[in-house]
Protein backbone atom coordinates (compact mmCIF):
# COMPACT_ATOMS: atom_id res chain seq x y z
CA MET A 1 -11.14 -27.52 -0.13
CA SER A 2 -12.62 -24.09 -1.15
CA ALA A 3 -10.64 -21.00 -0.67
CA PRO A 4 -11.65 -18.65 2.11
CA ALA A 5 -14.56 -16.24 1.14
CA ALA A 6 -13.61 -12.70 0.40
CA PRO A 7 -14.11 -10.38 3.31
CA PRO A 8 -17.04 -8.05 3.30
CA PRO A 9 -16.54 -4.42 2.39
CA SER A 10 -15.07 -2.16 4.93
CA LEU A 11 -17.47 0.18 6.81
CA ALA A 12 -14.49 2.70 7.25
CA ALA A 13 -16.03 5.31 4.89
CA SER A 14 -19.59 4.72 5.84
CA PRO A 15 -21.71 6.76 8.42
CA ARG A 16 -23.01 3.28 9.49
CA ARG A 17 -19.89 2.74 11.52
CA TRP A 18 -20.88 5.23 14.13
CA TRP A 19 -24.14 3.27 14.69
CA VAL A 20 -22.14 -0.02 14.93
CA LEU A 21 -20.00 1.73 17.63
CA ALA A 22 -23.33 2.86 19.44
CA ALA A 23 -24.43 -0.63 19.51
CA LEU A 24 -21.08 -1.99 20.85
CA THR A 25 -20.91 0.80 23.39
CA LEU A 26 -24.43 0.04 24.59
CA SER A 27 -23.42 -3.60 24.99
CA VAL A 28 -20.29 -2.96 27.03
CA LEU A 29 -21.74 -0.21 29.15
CA THR A 30 -24.65 -2.53 30.16
CA VAL A 31 -22.10 -5.23 30.91
CA ALA A 32 -20.11 -2.82 33.11
CA LEU A 33 -23.18 -1.62 34.82
CA ASP A 34 -24.32 -5.10 35.63
CA GLY A 35 -20.84 -5.86 37.21
CA THR A 36 -21.63 -3.23 40.05
CA VAL A 37 -25.39 -2.57 39.91
CA VAL A 38 -26.08 -5.48 42.13
CA THR A 39 -23.87 -4.43 44.81
CA VAL A 40 -26.41 -2.06 46.37
CA ALA A 41 -29.13 -4.88 46.11
CA LEU A 42 -27.21 -7.18 48.39
CA PRO A 43 -28.76 -6.06 51.62
CA THR A 44 -32.28 -6.48 49.91
CA LEU A 45 -31.49 -9.89 48.46
CA ALA A 46 -30.28 -10.99 52.00
CA GLY A 47 -33.88 -10.19 53.28
CA GLU A 48 -35.86 -11.27 50.29
CA LEU A 49 -34.03 -14.55 49.48
CA GLY A 50 -32.67 -15.28 52.86
CA ALA A 51 -29.03 -15.28 51.44
CA ASP A 52 -26.25 -15.60 53.99
CA SER A 53 -22.97 -13.67 53.83
CA ALA A 54 -21.21 -16.39 51.87
CA GLN A 55 -24.12 -16.58 49.39
CA LEU A 56 -23.97 -12.68 49.02
CA GLN A 57 -20.32 -12.93 48.24
CA TRP A 58 -20.75 -15.42 45.54
CA ILE A 59 -23.61 -13.56 43.87
CA ASN A 60 -20.84 -11.07 43.05
CA GLY A 61 -18.00 -13.30 42.86
CA GLY A 62 -19.61 -15.76 40.69
CA TYR A 63 -20.05 -13.19 37.89
CA LEU A 64 -16.54 -12.07 38.17
CA LEU A 65 -15.17 -15.53 38.09
CA ALA A 66 -17.07 -16.59 34.92
CA LEU A 67 -16.16 -13.42 33.24
CA SER A 68 -12.48 -13.97 33.97
CA VAL A 69 -12.45 -17.67 33.07
CA GLY A 70 -14.50 -17.34 29.89
CA MET A 71 -12.66 -14.71 27.89
CA LEU A 72 -9.63 -16.75 26.61
CA PRO A 73 -11.70 -19.56 24.82
CA VAL A 74 -14.19 -17.03 23.68
CA GLY A 75 -11.54 -15.05 21.73
CA LEU A 76 -10.46 -18.32 19.92
CA LEU A 77 -14.05 -19.12 19.15
CA GLY A 78 -14.66 -15.56 17.85
CA ASP A 79 -11.73 -15.78 15.51
CA ARG A 80 -12.83 -19.35 14.37
CA TYR A 81 -16.54 -18.84 13.84
CA GLY A 82 -16.93 -15.08 13.38
CA HIS A 83 -16.88 -12.26 15.83
CA ARG A 84 -20.51 -11.19 14.77
CA ARG A 85 -21.87 -14.65 15.60
CA ILE A 86 -20.27 -14.86 19.03
CA LEU A 87 -21.23 -11.20 19.80
CA ILE A 88 -24.90 -11.91 18.88
CA ALA A 89 -24.91 -14.99 21.02
CA GLY A 90 -23.44 -13.28 23.95
CA VAL A 91 -26.00 -10.29 23.73
CA THR A 92 -28.86 -12.93 23.53
CA LEU A 93 -27.53 -14.94 26.45
CA PHE A 94 -27.06 -11.79 28.67
CA GLY A 95 -30.59 -10.62 27.90
CA LEU A 96 -32.11 -14.08 28.50
CA ALA A 97 -30.07 -14.57 31.78
CA SER A 98 -31.14 -10.98 32.99
CA LEU A 99 -34.85 -12.00 32.39
CA ALA A 100 -34.26 -15.25 34.33
CA GLY A 101 -32.76 -13.30 37.15
CA THR A 102 -36.00 -11.46 37.75
CA GLN A 103 -37.55 -14.94 38.52
CA ALA A 104 -34.91 -16.33 40.87
CA ASP A 105 -36.42 -17.40 44.15
CA SER A 106 -33.30 -18.91 45.87
CA PRO A 107 -29.68 -17.68 46.53
CA GLY A 108 -28.34 -20.79 44.68
CA GLN A 109 -30.46 -19.89 41.53
CA LEU A 110 -29.24 -16.38 41.63
CA ILE A 111 -25.63 -17.44 41.90
CA ALA A 112 -26.08 -19.67 38.82
CA ILE A 113 -27.76 -16.83 36.83
CA ARG A 114 -25.00 -14.40 37.78
CA ALA A 115 -22.38 -17.05 36.59
CA VAL A 116 -24.23 -17.31 33.24
CA LEU A 117 -24.23 -13.41 33.12
CA GLY A 118 -20.50 -13.38 33.63
CA LEU A 119 -20.03 -15.92 30.71
CA ALA A 120 -22.19 -13.80 28.47
CA ALA A 121 -20.13 -10.84 29.36
CA ALA A 122 -16.96 -12.67 28.56
CA MET A 123 -18.51 -13.23 25.03
CA ILE A 124 -19.19 -9.54 24.67
CA MET A 125 -16.19 -7.67 25.95
CA PRO A 126 -13.22 -9.00 24.02
CA VAL A 127 -15.21 -9.74 20.84
CA SER A 128 -16.74 -6.20 20.71
CA MET A 129 -13.27 -4.71 20.95
CA ALA A 130 -11.86 -7.12 18.17
CA VAL A 131 -14.45 -5.70 15.77
CA LEU A 132 -13.45 -2.00 16.21
CA PRO A 133 -10.50 -2.14 13.84
CA LYS A 134 -12.60 -3.94 11.25
CA VAL A 135 -15.20 -1.24 11.09
CA PHE A 136 -13.07 1.75 11.66
CA GLY A 137 -10.08 2.97 9.64
CA PRO A 138 -6.72 3.27 11.35
CA ASP A 139 -7.10 6.90 11.90
CA GLU A 140 -10.42 6.46 13.72
CA VAL A 141 -9.52 3.39 15.78
CA PRO A 142 -8.24 5.34 18.85
CA LYS A 143 -11.46 7.48 18.90
CA ALA A 144 -13.53 4.31 18.86
CA ILE A 145 -11.31 2.74 21.47
CA GLY A 146 -11.79 5.99 23.69
CA VAL A 147 -15.40 5.71 23.43
CA TRP A 148 -15.48 1.76 24.21
CA THR A 149 -13.22 2.44 27.14
CA ALA A 150 -15.28 5.31 28.56
CA ALA A 151 -18.28 3.13 28.27
CA THR A 152 -16.75 0.35 30.44
CA ALA A 153 -15.24 2.78 32.88
CA LEU A 154 -18.61 4.71 33.29
CA GLY A 155 -20.51 1.57 34.24
CA LEU A 156 -18.38 1.11 37.35
CA PRO A 157 -19.32 4.09 39.31
CA VAL A 158 -22.82 4.61 37.68
CA GLY A 159 -23.93 0.91 38.52
CA PRO A 160 -24.57 1.61 42.19
CA LEU A 161 -26.42 4.80 41.18
CA VAL A 162 -28.67 3.03 38.87
CA GLY A 163 -29.19 0.06 41.26
CA GLY A 164 -30.11 2.57 44.09
CA TRP A 165 -32.55 4.39 42.10
CA LEU A 166 -34.31 1.19 40.87
CA LEU A 167 -34.58 -0.30 44.40
CA ASN A 168 -35.97 2.99 45.68
CA HIS A 169 -38.79 2.79 43.06
CA PHE A 170 -39.33 -0.85 42.17
CA TRP A 171 -38.61 -4.41 43.45
CA TRP A 172 -35.31 -6.07 43.71
CA GLY A 173 -35.69 -7.87 40.35
CA SER A 174 -35.66 -4.47 38.54
CA VAL A 175 -31.82 -4.50 38.76
CA PHE A 176 -31.87 -7.47 36.31
CA LEU A 177 -35.01 -6.30 34.42
CA PHE A 178 -33.11 -3.03 33.60
CA ASN A 179 -30.83 -5.01 31.27
CA VAL A 180 -33.46 -6.60 29.06
CA PRO A 181 -34.74 -3.60 27.02
CA LEU A 182 -31.10 -2.42 26.63
CA PHE A 183 -29.88 -5.72 25.29
CA ALA A 184 -32.88 -6.00 23.11
CA VAL A 185 -31.78 -2.84 21.41
CA ALA A 186 -28.15 -3.83 21.36
CA LEU A 187 -29.21 -7.22 19.72
CA ALA A 188 -31.29 -5.48 17.10
CA ALA A 189 -28.39 -3.13 16.37
CA CYS A 190 -25.99 -6.01 16.04
CA LEU A 191 -28.29 -7.98 13.67
CA LEU A 192 -28.91 -4.97 11.42
CA LEU A 193 -25.66 -3.21 11.50
CA LEU A 194 -22.87 -5.65 11.67
CA PRO A 195 -21.84 -7.09 8.36
CA ALA A 196 -22.48 -10.73 7.78
CA GLU A 197 -19.38 -12.97 7.94
CA PRO A 198 -18.72 -15.77 5.40
CA ARG A 199 -18.67 -19.30 7.09
CA ARG A 200 -15.22 -20.64 7.51
CA ASP A 201 -15.07 -24.05 5.82
CA ARG A 202 -12.06 -25.23 7.74
CA ALA A 203 -12.97 -24.30 11.21
CA ALA A 204 -12.79 -27.89 12.18
CA ALA A 205 -9.47 -28.49 10.85
CA THR A 206 -7.85 -26.88 14.08
CA PRO A 207 -9.01 -28.85 17.16
CA LEU A 208 -9.94 -26.95 20.24
CA ASP A 209 -7.20 -26.94 22.96
CA LEU A 210 -9.09 -28.67 25.69
CA ALA A 211 -6.08 -29.07 27.97
CA GLY A 212 -5.21 -25.44 27.59
CA THR A 213 -8.84 -24.38 28.17
CA LEU A 214 -8.83 -26.54 31.40
CA LEU A 215 -5.45 -25.33 32.83
CA SER A 216 -6.34 -21.64 32.07
CA GLY A 217 -9.69 -21.95 33.53
CA LEU A 218 -8.61 -23.72 36.68
CA GLY A 219 -5.50 -21.30 37.06
CA ILE A 220 -7.61 -18.20 36.82
CA THR A 221 -10.40 -19.66 38.96
CA GLY A 222 -7.64 -20.36 41.68
CA LEU A 223 -6.26 -16.72 41.27
CA VAL A 224 -9.54 -14.90 41.35
CA TYR A 225 -11.09 -17.21 43.98
CA GLY A 226 -8.31 -16.44 46.39
CA THR A 227 -8.39 -12.77 45.75
CA ILE A 228 -12.16 -12.54 46.18
CA LEU A 229 -11.65 -14.04 49.74
CA VAL A 230 -9.16 -11.35 50.75
CA PRO A 231 -11.55 -8.65 52.13
CA ASP A 232 -13.14 -11.16 54.46
CA ASP A 233 -10.33 -13.59 55.26
CA GLY A 234 -7.18 -11.48 54.81
CA TRP A 235 -4.03 -12.25 52.85
CA GLY A 236 -2.81 -14.56 55.55
CA SER A 237 -5.72 -17.02 55.19
CA ALA A 238 -4.88 -20.62 54.28
CA LYS A 239 -7.57 -20.53 51.62
CA VAL A 240 -6.44 -17.18 50.03
CA LEU A 241 -2.80 -18.44 49.96
CA ALA A 242 -3.82 -21.84 48.47
CA GLY A 243 -6.04 -20.25 45.84
CA ILE A 244 -3.50 -17.52 44.60
CA ALA A 245 -0.44 -19.81 44.83
CA GLY A 246 -2.32 -22.83 43.12
CA GLY A 247 -3.63 -20.61 40.51
CA ALA A 248 -0.25 -19.17 39.74
CA VAL A 249 1.17 -22.66 39.33
CA LEU A 250 -1.53 -23.68 37.17
CA LEU A 251 -1.18 -20.60 34.88
CA ALA A 252 2.59 -21.22 34.73
CA ALA A 253 1.80 -24.64 33.56
CA PHE A 254 -0.59 -23.25 31.00
CA VAL A 255 2.10 -21.06 29.41
CA LEU A 256 4.45 -23.98 29.12
CA GLN A 257 1.69 -26.15 27.55
CA GLN A 258 0.74 -23.37 25.07
CA ARG A 259 4.24 -22.95 23.91
CA ARG A 260 4.29 -26.68 22.84
CA HIS A 261 0.70 -27.10 21.56
CA PRO A 262 0.35 -27.10 17.57
CA PHE A 263 -2.94 -25.05 18.03
CA PRO A 264 -2.76 -23.19 21.17
CA LEU A 265 -5.69 -21.38 22.95
CA VAL A 266 -3.36 -18.31 23.39
CA ASP A 267 -0.70 -17.31 20.72
CA THR A 268 2.10 -16.74 22.96
CA GLY A 269 4.02 -15.45 19.93
CA LEU A 270 2.11 -12.33 20.22
CA PHE A 271 4.50 -11.39 23.10
CA THR A 272 7.43 -11.42 20.78
CA ASP A 273 6.11 -8.15 19.24
CA PRO A 274 7.02 -5.26 21.66
CA ARG A 275 3.89 -3.34 20.68
CA PHE A 276 1.62 -6.15 22.05
CA ARG A 277 4.02 -6.97 25.05
CA TRP A 278 4.61 -3.53 26.35
CA GLY A 279 1.10 -2.18 25.26
CA THR A 280 -0.57 -4.72 27.20
CA LEU A 281 1.65 -4.27 30.32
CA VAL A 282 1.04 -0.66 30.22
CA ALA A 283 -2.67 -1.33 29.96
CA VAL A 284 -2.53 -3.66 32.94
CA PHE A 285 -0.72 -0.98 35.10
CA VAL A 286 -3.35 1.49 34.20
CA ASN A 287 -6.28 -0.76 34.89
CA PHE A 288 -4.69 -1.72 38.32
CA ALA A 289 -4.53 1.88 39.42
CA VAL A 290 -7.88 3.04 37.93
CA MET A 291 -9.78 0.13 39.43
CA GLY A 292 -8.24 1.04 42.69
CA ILE A 293 -9.34 4.52 42.40
CA LEU A 294 -12.85 3.60 41.49
CA PHE A 295 -13.01 1.40 44.48
CA VAL A 296 -11.74 4.10 46.86
CA VAL A 297 -13.44 7.25 45.62
CA PRO A 298 -17.10 6.23 45.94
CA GLN A 299 -16.54 5.29 49.57
CA TYR A 300 -14.82 8.65 50.15
CA LEU A 301 -17.64 10.63 48.47
CA GLN A 302 -20.26 8.81 50.43
CA ALA A 303 -18.87 8.06 53.78
CA VAL A 304 -16.69 11.23 54.36
CA LEU A 305 -18.27 13.85 52.16
CA GLY A 306 -21.95 12.53 52.83
CA HIS A 307 -23.32 12.14 49.40
CA ASP A 308 -26.03 9.75 48.50
CA ALA A 309 -25.69 7.06 45.69
CA LEU A 310 -27.07 9.48 43.03
CA GLY A 311 -24.69 12.27 44.16
CA THR A 312 -21.71 9.98 44.30
CA GLY A 313 -22.23 8.62 40.84
CA LEU A 314 -22.64 12.19 39.38
CA ARG A 315 -19.51 13.42 41.13
CA VAL A 316 -17.26 10.49 39.66
CA LEU A 317 -18.12 11.83 36.17
CA PRO A 318 -15.10 14.26 35.98
CA LEU A 319 -12.93 11.17 35.66
CA ILE A 320 -14.97 9.93 32.72
CA ALA A 321 -15.03 13.48 31.26
CA GLY A 322 -11.27 13.59 31.58
CA LEU A 323 -11.04 10.17 29.75
CA MET A 324 -13.10 11.41 26.83
CA ALA A 325 -11.16 14.61 26.63
CA ALA A 326 -7.93 12.71 26.55
CA ALA A 327 -9.01 10.13 24.06
CA ALA A 328 -9.82 12.88 21.65
CA LEU A 329 -6.68 14.69 22.40
CA SER A 330 -4.46 11.56 21.77
CA GLU A 331 -5.74 11.18 18.26
CA GLN A 332 -3.86 14.54 17.59
CA LEU A 333 -0.79 13.92 19.80
CA VAL A 334 0.19 10.39 18.89
CA PRO A 335 0.88 11.04 15.16
CA ARG A 336 2.96 13.92 16.10
CA LEU A 337 4.82 12.86 19.19
CA GLY A 338 4.68 8.98 19.05
CA THR A 339 3.36 6.56 21.82
CA ARG A 340 6.70 6.78 23.56
CA VAL A 341 5.90 10.40 24.64
CA VAL A 342 2.16 10.38 24.98
CA VAL A 343 1.72 7.22 27.08
CA PRO A 344 4.31 8.11 29.78
CA ALA A 345 3.04 11.61 29.75
CA GLY A 346 -0.38 10.28 30.43
CA LEU A 347 0.83 7.95 33.17
CA LEU A 348 2.70 10.72 34.83
CA MET A 349 -0.58 12.83 34.90
CA LEU A 350 -2.37 9.85 36.32
CA ALA A 351 0.43 9.66 38.92
CA ALA A 352 0.08 13.43 39.62
CA GLY A 353 -3.68 13.06 40.10
CA THR A 354 -3.39 10.29 42.61
CA LEU A 355 -0.66 12.03 44.45
CA LEU A 356 -3.20 14.97 44.87
CA GLY A 357 -5.80 12.57 45.96
CA ALA A 358 -3.50 11.16 48.56
CA ALA A 359 -2.93 14.66 50.00
CA THR A 360 -6.77 15.11 50.59
CA GLY A 361 -7.21 16.63 54.00
CA SER A 362 -10.16 16.37 56.36
CA GLY A 363 -11.29 19.89 55.42
CA ALA A 364 -11.13 19.31 51.65
CA GLY A 365 -14.42 19.58 49.78
CA TYR A 366 -15.66 18.27 46.55
CA GLY A 367 -14.03 20.93 44.45
CA TYR A 368 -10.53 19.45 45.35
CA ALA A 369 -11.74 15.93 44.58
CA ALA A 370 -13.11 17.08 41.13
CA LEU A 371 -9.72 18.60 40.40
CA TRP A 372 -7.71 15.39 40.86
CA LEU A 373 -10.26 13.19 39.48
CA THR A 374 -10.29 15.21 36.26
CA LEU A 375 -6.56 15.05 36.09
CA THR A 376 -6.68 11.34 36.80
CA GLY A 377 -9.19 10.90 33.97
CA LEU A 378 -6.91 12.87 31.55
CA GLY A 379 -3.95 10.63 32.41
CA PHE A 380 -6.18 7.58 32.08
CA GLY A 381 -7.22 8.41 28.69
CA LEU A 382 -3.69 9.66 27.32
CA ALA A 383 -2.25 6.38 28.52
CA THR A 384 -4.81 3.66 27.78
CA VAL A 385 -6.24 4.70 24.53
CA PRO A 386 -2.74 4.88 22.56
CA ALA A 387 -1.53 1.79 24.46
CA THR A 388 -4.76 -0.31 23.55
CA SER A 389 -4.43 1.08 19.83
CA LEU A 390 -0.87 -0.17 19.77
CA VAL A 391 -1.91 -3.57 20.97
CA MET A 392 -4.71 -3.71 18.42
CA ALA A 393 -2.33 -2.70 15.56
CA SER A 394 -0.12 -5.68 16.42
CA LEU A 395 -2.79 -8.28 15.95
CA PRO A 396 -3.09 -10.40 12.82
CA ALA A 397 -6.49 -10.06 11.12
CA GLY A 398 -7.54 -13.72 11.81
CA ALA A 399 -6.42 -13.60 15.40
CA SER A 400 -7.79 -10.40 16.74
CA GLY A 401 -10.26 -12.14 18.99
CA ARG A 402 -7.56 -14.17 20.72
CA GLY A 403 -5.44 -10.99 21.15
CA THR A 404 -8.21 -8.85 22.47
CA SER A 405 -9.39 -11.77 24.83
CA LEU A 406 -5.81 -12.14 26.14
CA LEU A 407 -5.59 -8.47 26.72
CA GLU A 408 -8.98 -8.13 28.49
CA THR A 409 -8.05 -11.21 30.68
CA VAL A 410 -4.97 -10.02 32.03
CA GLN A 411 -6.52 -6.44 32.63
CA GLN A 412 -9.43 -8.23 34.32
CA VAL A 413 -7.09 -10.17 36.67
CA GLY A 414 -5.01 -7.15 37.22
CA GLY A 415 -8.07 -5.07 38.18
CA VAL A 416 -9.28 -7.81 40.57
CA LEU A 417 -5.82 -7.91 42.18
CA GLY A 418 -5.79 -4.11 42.39
CA VAL A 419 -9.07 -3.97 44.12
CA ALA A 420 -8.20 -6.58 46.65
CA GLY A 421 -4.68 -5.26 47.32
CA LEU A 422 -5.66 -1.72 47.59
CA GLY A 423 -8.83 -2.49 49.60
CA SER A 424 -6.66 -4.39 52.17
CA LEU A 425 -4.30 -1.51 52.24
CA LEU A 426 -7.22 1.01 52.78
CA SER A 427 -8.57 -1.14 55.48
CA ALA A 428 -5.18 -1.59 57.25
CA GLY A 429 -4.63 2.20 57.13
CA TYR A 430 -8.15 2.92 58.43
CA LEU A 431 -7.68 0.51 61.35
CA ALA A 432 -4.10 1.92 62.21
CA ARG A 433 -5.58 5.26 62.87
CA LEU A 434 -8.80 4.24 64.44
CA HIS A 435 -9.48 4.70 68.38
CA VAL A 436 -12.36 2.58 69.89
CA SER A 437 -11.45 2.76 73.47
CA GLY A 438 -14.67 3.15 75.63
CA LEU A 439 -16.94 1.59 73.24
CA SER A 440 -18.85 -1.50 73.68
CA PRO A 441 -17.62 -4.74 71.84
CA ALA A 442 -20.49 -4.62 69.48
CA ASP A 443 -20.11 -0.86 68.67
CA ALA A 444 -16.26 -1.20 68.41
CA GLY A 445 -16.76 -3.96 65.87
CA GLN A 446 -19.12 -1.83 63.74
CA VAL A 447 -16.77 1.04 63.76
CA ARG A 448 -13.88 -1.21 62.76
CA ASP A 449 -15.99 -2.84 59.85
CA SER A 450 -16.34 0.53 57.83
CA VAL A 451 -16.41 4.28 57.99
CA SER A 452 -20.12 4.03 57.29
CA GLY A 453 -20.63 2.02 60.48
CA ALA A 454 -18.49 4.38 62.53
CA ASP A 455 -20.97 7.20 61.40
CA GLU A 456 -23.94 5.21 62.49
CA VAL A 457 -22.47 4.55 65.86
CA ALA A 458 -21.33 8.06 66.23
CA ALA A 459 -24.93 9.39 65.35
CA ARG A 460 -26.59 6.88 67.82
CA LEU A 461 -24.15 7.94 70.60
CA GLY A 462 -24.18 11.57 69.77
CA ASP A 463 -20.41 11.45 69.60
CA PRO A 464 -19.29 13.73 66.64
CA GLY A 465 -15.60 13.36 67.77
CA LEU A 466 -15.86 9.56 66.87
CA ALA A 467 -17.04 10.37 63.51
CA ASP A 468 -14.28 12.73 62.96
CA THR A 469 -11.67 10.29 64.12
CA ALA A 470 -13.16 7.71 61.62
CA HIS A 471 -13.13 10.13 58.67
CA ARG A 472 -9.39 10.96 59.42
CA ALA A 473 -8.62 7.30 59.63
CA PHE A 474 -10.26 6.57 56.30
CA LEU A 475 -8.49 9.46 54.68
CA HIS A 476 -5.15 8.02 55.93
CA GLY A 477 -6.15 4.61 54.33
CA MET A 478 -7.32 6.23 51.16
CA GLY A 479 -3.94 8.19 50.92
CA LEU A 480 -1.92 4.93 51.38
CA ALA A 481 -3.98 3.31 48.45
CA LEU A 482 -3.67 6.22 46.09
CA LEU A 483 0.15 6.40 46.96
CA VAL A 484 0.46 3.02 45.58
CA CYS A 485 -1.55 3.88 42.67
CA CYS A 486 0.87 6.78 41.98
CA ALA A 487 3.78 4.34 42.20
CA ILE A 488 2.28 2.00 39.88
CA ALA A 489 1.68 4.79 37.33
CA VAL A 490 5.30 6.04 37.65
CA ALA A 491 6.56 2.54 37.19
CA GLY A 492 4.42 2.24 34.11
CA ALA A 493 5.74 5.51 32.81
CA VAL A 494 9.36 4.52 33.15
CA LEU A 495 8.71 1.23 31.18
CA ALA A 496 6.58 3.01 28.44
CA ALA A 497 9.39 5.58 28.03
CA LEU A 498 11.91 2.78 27.52
CA PHE A 499 10.20 0.28 25.42
CA LEU A 500 7.28 1.71 23.57
CA PRO A 501 7.51 2.90 19.94
CA GLY A 502 8.94 6.51 19.34
CA ARG A 503 7.71 9.13 17.03
CA PRO A 504 6.72 7.53 13.64
CA ALA A 505 8.87 8.24 10.72
CA PRO A 506 7.49 10.67 7.98
CA GLY A 507 4.91 8.88 5.96
CA GLN A 508 4.49 6.13 8.62
CA SER A 509 1.30 5.78 10.61
CA SER A 510 1.70 5.63 14.44
CA ALA A 511 -0.15 2.22 14.67
CA ALA A 512 2.50 0.63 12.61
CA ASP A 513 5.68 2.44 13.55
CA ALA A 514 8.61 0.15 14.35
CA PRO A 515 9.60 -0.24 18.04
CA ALA A 516 12.35 2.16 18.93
CA GLY A 517 12.85 1.60 22.59
CA ARG A 518 15.35 -0.57 24.39
CA GLY A 519 14.67 -4.21 24.10
CA ALA A 520 12.97 -3.78 20.61
CA VAL A 521 12.47 -7.13 18.74
CA PRO A 522 11.91 -7.26 14.95
CA GLU A 523 8.29 -7.74 13.88
CA PRO A 524 7.56 -11.48 13.79
CA ALA A 525 6.30 -12.94 10.52
CA GLY A 526 2.71 -14.12 10.74
CA THR A 527 1.92 -12.16 13.79
CA ALA A 528 2.41 -8.36 13.85
CA GLY A 529 3.35 -8.48 10.26
CA GLN A 530 -0.10 -8.89 9.33
CA ALA A 531 -1.49 -6.06 11.44
CA GLY A 532 -2.11 -3.89 8.27
CA ALA A 533 -4.84 -6.31 7.39
CA ALA A 534 -6.78 -5.87 10.61
CA GLY A 535 -9.07 -3.29 8.84
CA ALA A 536 -9.71 -5.44 5.82
CA GLY A 537 -13.00 -6.97 6.93
CA LEU A 538 -14.71 -9.14 9.62
CA ALA A 539 -13.56 -12.47 8.16
CA GLY A 540 -9.83 -13.48 8.20
CA ALA A 541 -8.15 -16.26 6.44
CA VAL A 542 -8.08 -19.81 7.79
CA PRO A 543 -4.54 -20.96 8.57
CA GLU A 544 -2.73 -23.81 6.83
CA ARG A 545 -2.25 -26.84 9.15
CA GLY A 546 0.83 -26.32 11.16
CA GLU A 547 0.35 -22.63 11.27
CA SER A 548 -0.64 -20.63 14.44
CA PRO A 549 -4.57 -20.71 14.11
CA ALA A 550 -6.29 -17.52 13.34
């Protein structure tokens, strides 16, 4: 059997690498936009396509479910057949599915198309991250990760802004047509800029773990499905409990199966490296908190401060600006101080920002919100960029796709749980301080549904006191949710200070410094020990039979 082909030359010294980053950033930005751009179109879809509430829920939920389920097998396929090929296939599928979305004429068709979009997004997100350390040198990877992370974060608040503008000027299908030219540009850039990868002659030598794929898919489906139902059914619902409990049992079975399988879907040995284990956990903590913030803040800006969709999107930008500034700053700080100082400092800054947000009073204006959003963004960047860089440095060259897909999957599930949990807490805090005595049952129900509904009832009845009460109740619920974000960030800071690597020794790069915290484990052979090869090129060696597949 022929030896593996030599990897292509590194782009680390070529200006072309920044064009590659632009192509990857455009891809993930559009994916992130699509995750939220449809939310503002749901009322229109209900009227145009005759979708009921359950169908509207699955127009969003189907996308999220396919994205969560698809990432683990996609990471393995990327390592086996080439990241460039999978990325190009994902970008192509996303563009075609978006075009098909403009022609949907029934809720069922749209749900199916959204599921295909979620699968295409699963092909793009982890694989695009896996490409970064193979295009950039070790010193520039944190900057690239910072730009990539900012693109994904920017899409969340800007999606509704873009969707609202499109619906104000065009028909409902424009929220899908918007993706097509963006992905045409991204596809051309990937084809022209990403270096070609040699075919791996022994790709078929390691069979696909079908049992693991099935267990992980069903487990994540149960967990995400149960969580999606929380806003409408509540945590005590039998369907919610059955979905989450069943998903947890199946995922536990998946982990046991993976530890025994000769060619597993997920390399559980990655978790023996403290850099991967603790870097991933920190990233999940950060994602939980930030997703909760991005769920709460737009509602505050619209319902309480009275800004429209465009104004809300613009006013969330201080968080993104803080993230970008912190990403650049972390490049200077990590080599000097080490991740065990920078990451906890970022998490404490994130905690401080959410604590200030929790103290928001009814008379506070946008200036106060901009302050704590900026602080939160700085903490977000200082924590997540070094933690993600640490995870990337621990991945073997031939298995970076599996590593990034695992990281993205646990972050995605953590974010889903964060939105559901914090959304429920926000709702409970809102209802606890709400007074609807004297209102008709219909008006009382509308007030309980949301603070926006309360504003509509107050305007119709000419009752400013009702609106003020609803705003105060919302601020109470928002404060509770942000206090939980604060607690999560503090817990993450403690864990990071205890277990992440310390300051690198002289002459040692921060990406490869040995773990210095409590619970440190020697670097496992064949996993983190190959991390230095991560920048060698887009093609990795094919493992010998019996080794962990790359």
